[in-house]
């Protein structure tokens, strides 16, 4: 698939997930004024165009998987964003909570409890 097709597909997925493409949280302008845009285009094409847009899983399932993986890996900033995005997308609080609870036996109590704490923060801030 051509790079422009991958990028367009990824940007479409990000829009369907209600991610604002104009205000990406990835800002690296201090490194180089154009670098943030390069990283964002790569993220759209590689992550969302190549992976999230694949057939076989719907966006809800992919969002819940991403929450579990981010919690297990301790990626708090990305976890917080995906927790908020899931609730914004209409995924129920119960489904999101149970996804994080499911992390506990596989990645440990610290990862799961941190995920639940972040979910609590996200819910309080809504």
N, C-alpha and C. Protein backbone atom coordinates (compact mmCIF):
# COMPACT_ATOMS: atom_id res chain seq x y z
N UNK A 1 0.84 -1.17 0.00
CA UNK A 1 0.00 0.00 0.00
C UNK A 1 0.89 1.24 0.00
N UNK A 2 0.53 2.23 -0.78
CA UNK A 2 1.31 3.45 -0.87
C UNK A 2 1.27 4.21 0.45
N UNK A 3 2.34 4.93 0.72
CA UNK A 3 2.45 5.71 1.96
C UNK A 3 1.27 6.68 2.12
N UNK A 4 0.85 7.33 1.02
CA UNK A 4 -0.27 8.27 1.12
C UNK A 4 -1.57 7.55 1.48
N UNK A 5 -1.75 6.32 0.97
CA UNK A 5 -2.95 5.54 1.31
C UNK A 5 -2.93 5.14 2.78
N UNK A 6 -1.77 4.72 3.27
CA UNK A 6 -1.62 4.33 4.68
C UNK A 6 -1.91 5.51 5.58
N UNK A 7 -1.40 6.68 5.19
CA UNK A 7 -1.62 7.88 5.98
C UNK A 7 -3.09 8.26 6.00
N UNK A 8 -3.74 8.25 4.84
CA UNK A 8 -5.16 8.59 4.76
C UNK A 8 -6.01 7.61 5.57
N UNK A 9 -5.70 6.34 5.47
CA UNK A 9 -6.42 5.32 6.23
C UNK A 9 -6.23 5.54 7.73
N UNK A 10 -5.00 5.80 8.15
CA UNK A 10 -4.71 6.05 9.56
C UNK A 10 -5.40 7.29 10.08
N UNK A 11 -5.39 8.35 9.29
CA UNK A 11 -6.07 9.58 9.71
C UNK A 11 -7.58 9.36 9.81
N UNK A 12 -8.14 8.54 8.93
CA UNK A 12 -9.56 8.22 9.01
C UNK A 12 -9.88 7.47 10.31
N UNK A 13 -9.04 6.50 10.65
CA UNK A 13 -9.25 5.76 11.91
C UNK A 13 -9.16 6.72 13.09
N UNK A 14 -8.17 7.59 13.09
CA UNK A 14 -8.02 8.55 14.21
C UNK A 14 -9.24 9.46 14.31
N UNK A 15 -9.80 9.87 13.18
CA UNK A 15 -11.02 10.70 13.23
C UNK A 15 -12.19 9.91 13.81
N UNK A 16 -12.31 8.63 13.39
CA UNK A 16 -13.40 7.79 13.92
C UNK A 16 -13.25 7.57 15.41
N UNK A 17 -12.02 7.61 15.90
CA UNK A 17 -11.76 7.51 17.34
C UNK A 17 -11.84 8.87 18.03
N UNK A 18 -12.23 9.88 17.27
CA UNK A 18 -12.40 11.24 17.76
C UNK A 18 -11.09 11.83 18.28
N UNK A 19 -9.99 11.44 17.66
CA UNK A 19 -8.69 12.02 18.01
C UNK A 19 -8.51 13.27 17.16
N UNK A 20 -8.19 14.37 17.80
CA UNK A 20 -8.01 15.63 17.10
C UNK A 20 -6.64 15.63 16.43
N UNK A 21 -6.64 15.56 15.12
CA UNK A 21 -5.39 15.50 14.37
C UNK A 21 -4.64 16.83 14.38
N UNK A 22 -5.37 17.90 14.66
CA UNK A 22 -4.75 19.23 14.64
C UNK A 22 -4.01 19.54 15.94
N UNK A 23 -4.38 18.89 17.02
CA UNK A 23 -3.77 19.19 18.32
C UNK A 23 -3.16 17.94 18.93
N UNK A 24 -2.37 17.25 18.17
CA UNK A 24 -1.70 16.06 18.66
C UNK A 24 -0.88 16.40 19.90
N UNK A 25 -0.84 15.46 20.83
CA UNK A 25 -0.09 15.70 22.06
C UNK A 25 1.40 15.42 21.89
N UNK A 26 1.79 15.02 20.71
CA UNK A 26 3.20 14.73 20.46
C UNK A 26 3.87 16.00 19.92
N UNK A 27 4.54 16.72 20.79
CA UNK A 27 5.15 17.99 20.41
C UNK A 27 6.65 17.91 20.64
N UNK A 28 7.39 18.01 19.56
CA UNK A 28 8.85 17.93 19.62
C UNK A 28 9.47 19.13 18.91
N UNK A 29 8.78 20.26 18.93
CA UNK A 29 9.23 21.43 18.19
C UNK A 29 10.59 21.95 18.65
N UNK A 30 10.95 21.69 19.90
CA UNK A 30 12.25 22.14 20.39
C UNK A 30 13.39 21.40 19.68
N UNK A 31 13.11 20.19 19.21
CA UNK A 31 14.12 19.42 18.48
C UNK A 31 14.25 19.97 17.07
N UNK A 32 13.10 20.20 16.44
CA UNK A 32 13.06 20.65 15.05
C UNK A 32 11.61 21.06 14.79
N UNK A 33 11.36 22.24 14.22
CA UNK A 33 9.98 22.72 14.03
C UNK A 33 9.10 21.80 13.18
N UNK A 34 9.68 20.98 12.33
CA UNK A 34 8.87 20.10 11.48
C UNK A 34 8.79 18.68 12.00
N UNK A 35 9.56 18.38 13.04
CA UNK A 35 9.67 17.00 13.52
C UNK A 35 8.36 16.47 14.10
N UNK A 36 7.61 17.30 14.82
CA UNK A 36 6.34 16.84 15.40
C UNK A 36 5.40 16.32 14.31
N UNK A 37 5.32 17.05 13.22
CA UNK A 37 4.47 16.62 12.11
C UNK A 37 4.94 15.31 11.50
N UNK A 38 6.25 15.13 11.39
CA UNK A 38 6.79 13.88 10.85
C UNK A 38 6.41 12.70 11.75
N UNK A 39 6.57 12.87 13.06
CA UNK A 39 6.24 11.80 13.99
C UNK A 39 4.75 11.50 13.92
N UNK A 40 3.93 12.55 13.87
CA UNK A 40 2.49 12.36 13.82
C UNK A 40 2.05 11.64 12.55
N UNK A 41 2.66 11.97 11.41
CA UNK A 41 2.34 11.28 10.17
C UNK A 41 2.74 9.81 10.24
N UNK A 42 3.91 9.53 10.83
CA UNK A 42 4.36 8.15 10.99
C UNK A 42 3.40 7.38 11.90
N UNK A 43 2.98 8.00 13.00
CA UNK A 43 2.02 7.39 13.91
C UNK A 43 0.71 7.08 13.18
N UNK A 44 0.22 8.03 12.41
CA UNK A 44 -1.04 7.80 11.68
C UNK A 44 -0.90 6.65 10.68
N UNK A 45 0.18 6.64 9.92
CA UNK A 45 0.35 5.62 8.88
C UNK A 45 0.66 4.25 9.48
N UNK A 46 1.64 4.18 10.37
CA UNK A 46 2.11 2.88 10.87
C UNK A 46 1.19 2.28 11.92
N UNK A 47 0.82 3.08 12.89
CA UNK A 47 -0.01 2.55 13.98
C UNK A 47 -1.48 2.42 13.55
N UNK A 48 -2.03 3.52 13.09
CA UNK A 48 -3.47 3.51 12.80
C UNK A 48 -3.78 3.02 11.39
N UNK A 49 -2.95 3.32 10.42
CA UNK A 49 -3.18 2.86 9.06
C UNK A 49 -2.85 1.39 8.85
N UNK A 50 -1.73 0.95 9.43
CA UNK A 50 -1.29 -0.43 9.24
C UNK A 50 -1.92 -1.40 10.25
N UNK A 51 -2.18 -0.97 11.47
CA UNK A 51 -2.63 -1.89 12.51
C UNK A 51 -4.10 -1.68 12.87
N UNK A 52 -4.47 -0.49 13.31
CA UNK A 52 -5.85 -0.26 13.75
C UNK A 52 -6.85 -0.45 12.62
N UNK A 53 -6.46 -0.22 11.39
CA UNK A 53 -7.38 -0.33 10.25
C UNK A 53 -7.48 -1.74 9.69
N UNK A 54 -6.72 -2.68 10.24
CA UNK A 54 -6.76 -4.06 9.74
C UNK A 54 -8.15 -4.66 9.98
N UNK A 55 -8.55 -5.58 9.12
CA UNK A 55 -9.81 -6.30 9.37
C UNK A 55 -9.62 -7.31 10.50
N UNK A 56 -10.71 -7.77 11.05
CA UNK A 56 -10.64 -8.83 12.05
C UNK A 56 -11.02 -8.40 13.44
N UNK A 57 -10.75 -7.17 13.81
CA UNK A 57 -11.16 -6.64 15.10
C UNK A 57 -11.79 -5.26 14.89
N UNK A 58 -12.86 -5.00 15.63
CA UNK A 58 -13.46 -3.67 15.53
C UNK A 58 -12.68 -2.67 16.39
N UNK A 59 -12.99 -1.39 16.24
CA UNK A 59 -12.25 -0.35 16.94
C UNK A 59 -12.44 -0.44 18.45
N UNK A 60 -13.61 -0.85 18.90
CA UNK A 60 -13.85 -1.00 20.34
C UNK A 60 -12.90 -2.05 20.92
N UNK A 61 -12.79 -3.19 20.28
CA UNK A 61 -11.91 -4.25 20.76
C UNK A 61 -10.46 -3.77 20.75
N UNK A 62 -10.07 -3.09 19.68
CA UNK A 62 -8.70 -2.58 19.61
C UNK A 62 -8.44 -1.55 20.71
N UNK A 63 -9.43 -0.72 21.01
CA UNK A 63 -9.27 0.28 22.08
C UNK A 63 -9.07 -0.42 23.42
N UNK A 64 -9.89 -1.45 23.70
CA UNK A 64 -9.78 -2.17 24.98
C UNK A 64 -8.44 -2.91 25.06
N UNK A 65 -8.00 -3.51 23.96
CA UNK A 65 -6.68 -4.15 23.94
C UNK A 65 -5.57 -3.14 24.21
N UNK A 66 -5.68 -1.98 23.62
CA UNK A 66 -4.68 -0.94 23.81
C UNK A 66 -4.63 -0.50 25.27
N UNK A 67 -5.79 -0.40 25.89
CA UNK A 67 -5.85 -0.05 27.32
C UNK A 67 -5.12 -1.12 28.14
N UNK A 68 -5.41 -2.37 27.87
CA UNK A 68 -4.76 -3.45 28.63
C UNK A 68 -3.25 -3.44 28.43
N UNK A 69 -2.80 -3.25 27.20
CA UNK A 69 -1.37 -3.26 26.91
C UNK A 69 -0.68 -2.06 27.54
N UNK A 70 -1.28 -0.88 27.41
CA UNK A 70 -0.68 0.32 28.01
C UNK A 70 -0.60 0.19 29.53
N UNK A 71 -1.65 -0.38 30.14
CA UNK A 71 -1.62 -0.59 31.59
C UNK A 71 -0.52 -1.58 31.96
N UNK A 72 -0.43 -2.68 31.24
CA UNK A 72 0.57 -3.70 31.53
C UNK A 72 1.99 -3.17 31.38
N UNK A 73 2.19 -2.29 30.42
CA UNK A 73 3.52 -1.74 30.18
C UNK A 73 3.82 -0.50 31.02
N UNK A 74 2.82 -0.01 31.75
CA UNK A 74 3.02 1.17 32.59
C UNK A 74 3.14 2.46 31.80
N UNK A 75 2.51 2.54 30.66
CA UNK A 75 2.54 3.74 29.81
C UNK A 75 1.40 4.67 30.23
N UNK A 76 1.60 5.38 31.33
CA UNK A 76 0.52 6.13 31.97
C UNK A 76 -0.08 7.22 31.09
N UNK A 77 0.74 7.96 30.37
CA UNK A 77 0.20 9.05 29.54
C UNK A 77 -0.70 8.49 28.44
N UNK A 78 -0.24 7.45 27.77
CA UNK A 78 -1.03 6.85 26.71
C UNK A 78 -2.26 6.14 27.28
N UNK A 79 -2.09 5.50 28.44
CA UNK A 79 -3.23 4.85 29.09
C UNK A 79 -4.30 5.86 29.43
N UNK A 80 -3.91 6.97 30.02
CA UNK A 80 -4.88 8.01 30.37
C UNK A 80 -5.65 8.47 29.13
N UNK A 81 -4.95 8.68 28.04
CA UNK A 81 -5.60 9.14 26.81
C UNK A 81 -6.56 8.09 26.27
N UNK A 82 -6.17 6.81 26.30
CA UNK A 82 -7.05 5.77 25.78
C UNK A 82 -8.22 5.48 26.71
N UNK A 83 -8.04 5.64 28.01
CA UNK A 83 -9.17 5.50 28.94
C UNK A 83 -10.21 6.58 28.64
N UNK A 84 -9.75 7.81 28.53
CA UNK A 84 -10.67 8.92 28.23
C UNK A 84 -11.32 8.72 26.86
N UNK A 85 -10.54 8.30 25.88
CA UNK A 85 -11.07 8.08 24.54
C UNK A 85 -12.11 6.98 24.51
N UNK A 86 -11.88 5.91 25.25
CA UNK A 86 -12.85 4.81 25.29
C UNK A 86 -14.19 5.29 25.84
N UNK A 87 -14.15 6.02 26.93
CA UNK A 87 -15.40 6.52 27.51
C UNK A 87 -16.07 7.52 26.58
N UNK A 88 -15.27 8.35 25.95
CA UNK A 88 -15.80 9.32 24.98
C UNK A 88 -16.44 8.61 23.79
N UNK A 89 -15.87 7.46 23.39
CA UNK A 89 -16.39 6.69 22.26
C UNK A 89 -17.65 5.91 22.60
N UNK A 90 -18.05 5.92 23.88
CA UNK A 90 -19.26 5.22 24.27
C UNK A 90 -19.03 3.82 24.81
N UNK A 91 -17.78 3.44 25.03
CA UNK A 91 -17.51 2.17 25.68
C UNK A 91 -17.89 2.34 27.14
N UNK A 92 -18.60 1.39 27.70
CA UNK A 92 -19.13 1.56 29.05
C UNK A 92 -18.00 1.57 30.08
N UNK A 93 -18.26 2.27 31.17
CA UNK A 93 -17.31 2.32 32.27
C UNK A 93 -17.04 0.90 32.79
N UNK A 94 -18.07 0.07 32.84
CA UNK A 94 -17.89 -1.31 33.30
C UNK A 94 -16.92 -2.07 32.40
N UNK A 95 -17.06 -1.92 31.07
CA UNK A 95 -16.17 -2.62 30.14
C UNK A 95 -14.73 -2.15 30.28
N UNK A 96 -14.56 -0.84 30.44
CA UNK A 96 -13.22 -0.29 30.60
C UNK A 96 -12.62 -0.77 31.92
N UNK A 97 -13.41 -0.68 32.99
CA UNK A 97 -12.93 -1.12 34.30
C UNK A 97 -12.52 -2.60 34.27
N UNK A 98 -13.35 -3.43 33.68
CA UNK A 98 -13.05 -4.87 33.65
C UNK A 98 -11.83 -5.18 32.78
N UNK A 99 -11.59 -4.37 31.77
CA UNK A 99 -10.38 -4.53 30.96
C UNK A 99 -9.16 -4.28 31.83
N UNK A 100 -9.22 -3.24 32.65
CA UNK A 100 -8.08 -2.93 33.53
C UNK A 100 -7.93 -4.00 34.61
N UNK A 101 -9.02 -4.45 35.17
CA UNK A 101 -8.96 -5.51 36.19
C UNK A 101 -8.33 -6.77 35.60
N UNK A 102 -8.62 -7.05 34.34
CA UNK A 102 -8.08 -8.24 33.67
C UNK A 102 -6.56 -8.20 33.57
N UNK A 103 -5.98 -7.02 33.65
CA UNK A 103 -4.53 -6.85 33.60
C UNK A 103 -3.86 -7.42 34.86
N UNK A 104 -4.55 -7.37 35.99
CA UNK A 104 -3.93 -7.70 37.28
C UNK A 104 -3.28 -9.08 37.30
N UNK A 105 -3.97 -10.16 36.94
CA UNK A 105 -3.30 -11.47 37.06
C UNK A 105 -2.19 -11.69 36.03
N UNK A 106 -2.16 -10.91 34.98
CA UNK A 106 -1.16 -11.11 33.93
C UNK A 106 0.03 -10.16 34.04
N UNK A 107 -0.21 -8.94 34.51
CA UNK A 107 0.88 -7.96 34.59
C UNK A 107 1.16 -7.51 36.02
N UNK A 108 0.35 -7.95 36.96
CA UNK A 108 0.60 -7.65 38.36
C UNK A 108 -0.30 -6.56 38.92
N UNK A 109 -0.41 -6.60 40.24
CA UNK A 109 -1.24 -5.62 40.93
C UNK A 109 -0.79 -4.19 40.71
N UNK A 110 0.52 -3.88 40.73
CA UNK A 110 0.90 -2.48 40.52
C UNK A 110 0.37 -1.92 39.18
N UNK A 111 0.48 -2.69 38.11
CA UNK A 111 0.01 -2.23 36.80
C UNK A 111 -1.50 -2.05 36.80
N UNK A 112 -2.21 -3.04 37.34
CA UNK A 112 -3.67 -2.96 37.36
C UNK A 112 -4.19 -1.87 38.27
N UNK A 113 -3.59 -1.74 39.45
CA UNK A 113 -4.04 -0.71 40.38
C UNK A 113 -3.75 0.70 39.85
N UNK A 114 -2.60 0.86 39.22
CA UNK A 114 -2.31 2.15 38.59
C UNK A 114 -3.33 2.45 37.50
N UNK A 115 -3.67 1.44 36.72
CA UNK A 115 -4.69 1.63 35.69
C UNK A 115 -6.03 2.03 36.28
N UNK A 116 -6.41 1.39 37.38
CA UNK A 116 -7.68 1.75 38.03
C UNK A 116 -7.63 3.15 38.63
N UNK A 117 -6.48 3.53 39.16
CA UNK A 117 -6.32 4.90 39.68
C UNK A 117 -6.46 5.92 38.56
N UNK A 118 -5.83 5.64 37.42
CA UNK A 118 -5.94 6.55 36.28
C UNK A 118 -7.37 6.60 35.76
N UNK A 119 -8.05 5.47 35.73
CA UNK A 119 -9.45 5.46 35.31
C UNK A 119 -10.28 6.31 36.26
N UNK A 120 -10.03 6.21 37.54
CA UNK A 120 -10.74 7.03 38.52
C UNK A 120 -10.50 8.51 38.25
N UNK A 121 -9.25 8.89 37.96
CA UNK A 121 -8.95 10.29 37.63
C UNK A 121 -9.70 10.73 36.39
N UNK A 122 -9.72 9.89 35.37
CA UNK A 122 -10.40 10.24 34.13
C UNK A 122 -11.89 10.43 34.37
N UNK A 123 -12.50 9.53 35.14
CA UNK A 123 -13.94 9.62 35.42
C UNK A 123 -14.23 10.89 36.21
N UNK A 124 -13.42 11.20 37.19
CA UNK A 124 -13.63 12.42 37.99
C UNK A 124 -13.49 13.68 37.16
N UNK A 125 -12.63 13.66 36.17
CA UNK A 125 -12.39 14.86 35.35
C UNK A 125 -13.44 15.07 34.26
N UNK A 126 -14.32 14.10 34.06
CA UNK A 126 -15.33 14.22 32.99
C UNK A 126 -16.45 15.14 33.38
